[in-house]
C-alpha atoms as a PDB file:
ATOM      1  CA  MET A   1    -308.364 -69.180-130.122  1.00  0.00           C
ATOM      2  CA  SER A   2    -306.953 -65.677-129.937  1.00  0.00           C
ATOM      3  CA  ILE A   3    -307.269 -63.270-132.850  1.00  0.00           C
ATOM      4  CA  HIS A   4    -304.886 -60.370-133.356  1.00  0.00           C
ATOM      5  CA  VAL A   5    -305.529 -57.774-136.056  1.00  0.00           C
ATOM      6  CA  THR A   6    -303.241 -55.068-137.409  1.00  0.00           C
ATOM      7  CA  VAL A   7    -305.088 -51.949-138.558  1.00  0.00           C
ATOM      8  CA  TYR A   8    -303.161 -49.673-140.900  1.00  0.00           C
ATOM      9  CA  GLY A   9    -304.697 -46.228-140.715  1.00  0.00           C
ATOM     10  CA  ALA A  10    -304.450 -42.869-139.032  1.00  0.00           C
ATOM     11  CA  GLU A  11    -305.462 -41.815-135.558  1.00  0.00           C
ATOM     12  CA  SER A  12    -306.935 -38.658-137.072  1.00  0.00           C
ATOM     13  CA  CYS A  13    -309.215 -40.721-139.360  1.00  0.00           C
ATOM     14  CA  MET A  14    -312.747 -41.156-138.007  1.00  0.00           C
ATOM     15  CA  LYS A  15    -313.266 -44.421-139.932  1.00  0.00           C
ATOM     16  CA  CYS A  16    -310.050 -45.856-138.478  1.00  0.00           C
ATOM     17  CA  THR A  17    -311.092 -44.757-134.979  1.00  0.00           C
ATOM     18  CA  ASN A  18    -314.507 -46.387-135.462  1.00  0.00           C
ATOM     19  CA  THR A  19    -312.815 -49.584-136.631  1.00  0.00           C
ATOM     20  CA  GLY A  20    -310.738 -49.623-133.444  1.00  0.00           C
ATOM     21  CA  THR A  21    -313.837 -49.066-131.328  1.00  0.00           C
ATOM     22  CA  ALA A  22    -315.687 -51.915-133.056  1.00  0.00           C
ATOM     23  CA  LEU A  23    -312.739 -54.268-132.548  1.00  0.00           C
ATOM     24  CA  ARG A  24    -312.490 -53.308-128.864  1.00  0.00           C
ATOM     25  CA  LEU A  25    -316.213 -53.880-128.339  1.00  0.00           C
ATOM     26  CA  ALA A  26    -315.928 -57.271-130.048  1.00  0.00           C
ATOM     27  CA  GLY A  27    -313.045 -58.206-127.743  1.00  0.00           C
ATOM     28  CA  ILE A  28    -310.549 -58.501-130.584  1.00  0.00           C
ATOM     29  CA  ASP A  29    -306.936 -57.643-129.823  1.00  0.00           C
ATOM     30  CA  PHE A  30    -305.527 -55.181-132.354  1.00  0.00           C
ATOM     31  CA  GLU A  31    -302.659 -52.859-133.064  1.00  0.00           C
ATOM     32  CA  LEU A  32    -303.110 -49.553-134.886  1.00  0.00           C
ATOM     33  CA  VAL A  33    -300.182 -48.674-137.129  1.00  0.00           C
ATOM     34  CA  ASP A  34    -300.503 -44.960-137.796  1.00  0.00           C
ATOM     35  CA  VAL A  35    -299.284 -44.513-141.370  1.00  0.00           C
ATOM     36  CA  ASN A  36    -298.884 -40.787-140.767  1.00  0.00           C
ATOM     37  CA  VAL A  37    -296.249 -41.527-138.125  1.00  0.00           C
ATOM     38  CA  THR A  38    -294.468 -44.520-139.653  1.00  0.00           C
ATOM     39  CA  GLY A  39    -294.269 -43.085-143.169  1.00  0.00           C
ATOM     40  CA  SER A  40    -293.149 -46.430-144.507  1.00  0.00           C
ATOM     41  CA  CYS A  41    -293.754 -47.025-148.203  1.00  0.00           C
ATOM     42  CA  GLU A  42    -293.998 -50.756-147.492  1.00  0.00           C
ATOM     43  CA  GLN A  43    -297.136 -50.280-145.403  1.00  0.00           C
ATOM     44  CA  PRO A  44    -300.449 -49.438-147.049  1.00  0.00           C
ATOM     45  CA  ALA A  45    -301.826 -45.935-146.591  1.00  0.00           C
ATOM     46  CA  CYS A  46    -305.143 -45.277-144.942  1.00  0.00           C
ATOM     47  CA  VAL A  47    -307.427 -45.901-147.902  1.00  0.00           C
ATOM     48  CA  SER A  48    -310.465 -44.354-146.238  1.00  0.00           C
ATOM     49  CA  CYS A  49    -308.567 -41.062-145.768  1.00  0.00           C
ATOM     50  CA  ARG A  50    -307.884 -40.684-149.495  1.00  0.00           C
ATOM     51  CA  TRP A  51    -310.534 -38.843-151.442  1.00  0.00           C
END
């Protein structure tokens, strides 16, 4: 069974980068949707980047 994950975050966010690293090390296929680039209101913002 193949798992694909979509990570909504920001490439400039260390927590999002660490999440991507953990997924890569676990062999899980993922796509990072950079909310800073897409700017879509329909997509959640990077929660870990908000203080």
